Amino acid sequence: MSCPHVSGLAALLKSVHPEWSPAAIRSALMTTAYSTYKDEQPIIDIATVKPSTPFGHGAGHVSPATAVNPGLIYDLTTADYLGFLCALKYNSSADQNHIERQLRFATQAKRTPSLI
């Protein structure tokens, strides 16, 4: 249920900073989120009644007031993502292999006759 709330916060940030890209808005929300209560105790996972993990709370609890003026933001571009993939030795042949696997899987699926 957090998606609609965070989407609303992203829209509010865009109205305050219309020049920011979606990556900058995401960075502001994620880098200003917190994962502890005000007394520095970790956020508790209500399902386990234990301290939550990043798998449970993600980047943390968003802080809209702090996100408006986050200080440093990471405004990633396509070139940044490509540099990251190249550093991982990811190349077009690896991408092609992935696409071919998906296509083979899709063509092996049984087709259901149309009712129309």
Protein backbone atom coordinates (compact mmCIF):
# COMPACT_ATOMS: atom_id res chain seq x y z
CA MET A 1 0.00 0.00 0.00
CA SER A 2 3.02 2.28 0.12
CA CYS A 3 3.12 2.79 -3.66
CA PRO A 4 0.24 5.31 -3.88
CA HIS A 5 1.63 7.25 -0.93
CA VAL A 6 5.18 7.38 -2.28
CA SER A 7 3.84 8.28 -5.73
CA GLY A 8 2.02 11.21 -4.14
CA LEU A 9 5.21 12.28 -2.37
CA ALA A 10 7.07 12.07 -5.68
CA ALA A 11 4.46 14.36 -7.25
CA LEU A 12 4.84 16.82 -4.37
CA LEU A 13 8.63 16.80 -4.78
CA LYS A 14 8.24 17.39 -8.53
CA SER A 15 6.06 20.44 -7.81
CA VAL A 16 8.73 21.84 -5.46
CA HIS A 17 11.63 20.93 -7.78
CA PRO A 18 10.26 20.83 -11.36
CA GLU A 19 13.79 20.57 -12.78
CA TRP A 20 14.48 17.24 -11.03
CA SER A 21 14.44 14.02 -13.04
CA PRO A 22 12.59 10.91 -11.84
CA ALA A 23 15.97 9.47 -10.80
CA ALA A 24 16.71 12.55 -8.68
CA ILE A 25 13.29 12.33 -7.01
CA ARG A 26 13.81 8.64 -6.26
CA SER A 27 17.25 9.43 -4.85
CA ALA A 28 15.88 12.19 -2.62
CA LEU A 29 13.19 9.90 -1.23
CA MET A 30 15.52 6.95 -0.69
CA THR A 31 18.52 8.77 0.77
CA THR A 32 16.43 10.70 3.29
CA ALA A 33 14.38 7.68 4.44
CA TYR A 34 15.09 6.33 7.90
CA SER A 35 15.04 2.80 9.32
CA THR A 36 15.07 3.58 13.05
CA TYR A 37 12.66 5.26 15.41
CA LYS A 38 13.53 8.63 16.97
CA ASP A 39 15.09 6.83 19.95
CA GLU A 40 17.47 5.05 17.50
CA GLN A 41 15.73 1.69 18.00
CA PRO A 42 15.22 -0.27 14.74
CA ILE A 43 11.79 -0.34 13.11
CA ILE A 44 9.94 -3.47 14.27
CA ASP A 45 8.45 -5.91 11.77
CA ILE A 46 4.92 -6.51 13.06
CA ALA A 47 4.78 -9.99 11.51
CA THR A 48 7.80 -11.27 13.44
CA VAL A 49 7.97 -8.70 16.26
CA LYS A 50 11.71 -8.47 15.53
CA PRO A 51 13.77 -5.66 14.01
CA SER A 52 12.85 -5.34 10.35
CA THR A 53 15.35 -5.93 7.58
CA PRO A 54 15.81 -4.06 4.29
CA PHE A 55 13.72 -6.83 2.71
CA GLY A 56 10.87 -5.76 4.98
CA HIS A 57 11.22 -1.99 5.01
CA GLY A 58 13.07 -1.31 1.75
CA ALA A 59 14.88 2.03 1.86
CA GLY A 60 13.06 2.83 5.08
CA HIS A 61 10.30 5.15 6.20
CA VAL A 62 10.04 8.14 3.87
CA SER A 63 10.56 11.60 5.28
CA PRO A 64 8.84 14.15 3.01
CA ALA A 65 10.10 17.21 4.89
CA THR A 66 13.70 16.01 4.62
CA ALA A 67 13.31 14.91 0.98
CA VAL A 68 12.44 18.47 -0.09
CA ASN A 69 16.00 19.54 0.74
CA PRO A 70 18.04 16.32 0.72
CA GLY A 71 21.49 17.80 0.14
CA LEU A 72 23.19 15.28 -2.13
CA ILE A 73 21.11 13.43 -4.73
CA TYR A 74 22.14 10.87 -7.28
CA ASP A 75 20.77 11.89 -10.67
CA LEU A 76 21.48 8.71 -12.62
CA THR A 77 21.25 8.70 -16.40
CA THR A 78 21.23 5.96 -19.02
CA ALA A 79 25.00 6.37 -19.39
CA ASP A 80 25.43 5.62 -15.68
CA TYR A 81 23.42 2.41 -15.98
CA LEU A 82 25.33 1.36 -19.11
CA GLY A 83 28.65 1.97 -17.34
CA PHE A 84 27.44 -0.19 -14.46
CA LEU A 85 26.40 -3.01 -16.80
CA CYS A 86 29.73 -2.82 -18.66
CA ALA A 87 31.59 -3.02 -15.34
CA LEU A 88 29.68 -6.25 -14.68
CA LYS A 89 30.89 -7.54 -18.09
CA TYR A 90 27.30 -7.49 -19.35
CA ASN A 91 27.22 -7.27 -23.16
CA SER A 92 24.81 -7.48 -26.07
CA SER A 93 25.37 -11.23 -26.54
CA ALA A 94 24.31 -11.84 -22.94
CA ASP A 95 21.23 -9.74 -23.64
CA GLN A 96 20.58 -11.69 -26.84
CA ASN A 97 20.83 -15.00 -24.96
CA HIS A 98 18.32 -13.73 -22.42
CA ILE A 99 15.91 -12.63 -25.16
CA GLU A 100 16.22 -15.96 -26.99
CA ARG A 101 15.44 -17.88 -23.80
CA GLN A 102 12.31 -15.80 -23.32
CA LEU A 103 11.25 -16.31 -26.94
CA ARG A 104 11.77 -20.08 -26.80
CA PHE A 105 9.72 -20.24 -23.63
CA ALA A 106 6.96 -18.18 -25.18
CA THR A 107 6.79 -20.28 -28.36
CA GLN A 108 6.58 -23.52 -26.37
CA ALA A 109 3.48 -22.34 -24.54
CA LYS A 110 0.23 -23.97 -25.63
CA ARG A 111 -2.14 -21.70 -27.45
CA THR A 112 -5.75 -21.51 -26.37
CA PRO A 113 -8.22 -21.21 -29.26
CA SER A 114 -10.03 -17.92 -29.46
CA LEU A 115 -13.69 -17.92 -28.46
CA ILE A 116 -14.52 -15.07 -30.80
